[in-house]
């Protein structure tokens, strides 16, 4: 029914909004990290590339588990 479709779409929209907020936080953290690196005078493309995607910790966990298995 249409009511169920509306309810499902509303729920999906809320879930997507929550994911967007998380992504926005990661983007802001990356921008802050980049600004800090630029302030230190570190050239782009050195150590910052390897750690830039791990602000939420999940990527580090994945990498660590891959290396230890």
Protein backbone atom coordinates (compact mmCIF):
# COMPACT_ATOMS: atom_id res chain seq x y z
CA UNK A 1 0.00 0.00 0.00
CA UNK A 2 1.01 3.62 -0.33
CA UNK A 3 1.09 4.14 3.43
CA UNK A 4 3.59 1.31 3.81
CA UNK A 5 5.66 2.66 0.92
CA UNK A 6 5.72 6.11 2.54
CA UNK A 7 6.73 4.59 5.89
CA UNK A 8 9.49 2.54 4.25
CA UNK A 9 10.84 5.52 2.32
CA UNK A 10 10.74 7.71 5.42
CA UNK A 11 12.71 5.10 7.36
CA UNK A 12 15.22 4.77 4.52
CA UNK A 13 15.59 8.54 4.34
CA UNK A 14 16.36 8.73 8.07
CA UNK A 15 18.94 5.95 7.79
CA UNK A 16 20.62 7.68 4.85
CA UNK A 17 20.67 10.96 6.75
CA UNK A 18 22.45 9.27 9.66
CA UNK A 19 25.03 7.77 7.29
CA UNK A 20 25.51 11.16 5.62
CA UNK A 21 26.22 12.77 8.99
CA UNK A 22 28.89 10.14 9.71
CA UNK A 23 30.47 10.72 6.30
CA UNK A 24 30.39 14.48 6.85
CA UNK A 25 32.25 14.00 10.15
CA UNK A 26 34.93 11.94 8.42
CA UNK A 27 35.28 14.61 5.72
CA UNK A 28 35.71 17.33 8.34
CA UNK A 29 38.28 15.23 10.21
CA UNK A 30 40.22 14.67 6.99
CA UNK A 31 40.15 18.39 6.22
CA UNK A 32 41.44 19.16 9.72
CA UNK A 33 44.16 16.54 9.37
CA UNK A 34 45.20 17.94 6.00
CA UNK A 35 45.29 21.48 7.36
CA UNK A 36 47.45 20.34 10.28
CA UNK A 37 49.83 18.54 7.94
CA UNK A 38 50.07 21.58 5.69
CA UNK A 39 50.77 23.76 8.72
CA UNK A 40 53.63 21.44 9.67
CA UNK A 41 55.05 21.77 6.17
CA UNK A 42 54.65 18.11 5.26
CA UNK A 43 54.42 17.72 1.47
CA UNK A 44 51.23 16.18 0.10
CA UNK A 45 51.34 12.49 -0.65
CA UNK A 46 53.72 11.34 2.05
CA UNK A 47 52.62 9.71 5.29
CA UNK A 48 49.20 11.38 5.35
CA UNK A 49 47.88 9.16 2.56
CA UNK A 50 48.27 5.95 4.53
CA UNK A 51 46.36 7.17 7.57
CA UNK A 52 43.82 9.56 6.11
CA UNK A 53 40.98 7.02 5.82
CA UNK A 54 41.16 5.68 9.36
CA UNK A 55 39.57 8.46 11.39
CA UNK A 56 36.69 6.23 12.43
CA UNK A 57 39.02 3.35 13.34
CA UNK A 58 37.27 0.77 11.20
CA UNK A 59 39.87 0.80 8.44
CA UNK A 60 42.67 0.29 10.97
CA UNK A 61 40.84 -2.71 12.43
CA UNK A 62 40.41 -4.21 8.99
CA UNK A 63 44.07 -3.71 8.14
CA UNK A 64 45.23 -5.09 11.49
CA UNK A 65 43.05 -8.18 11.21
CA UNK A 66 44.27 -8.84 7.67
CA UNK A 67 47.88 -8.60 8.74
CA UNK A 68 47.47 -10.86 11.77
CA UNK A 69 45.56 -13.64 10.01
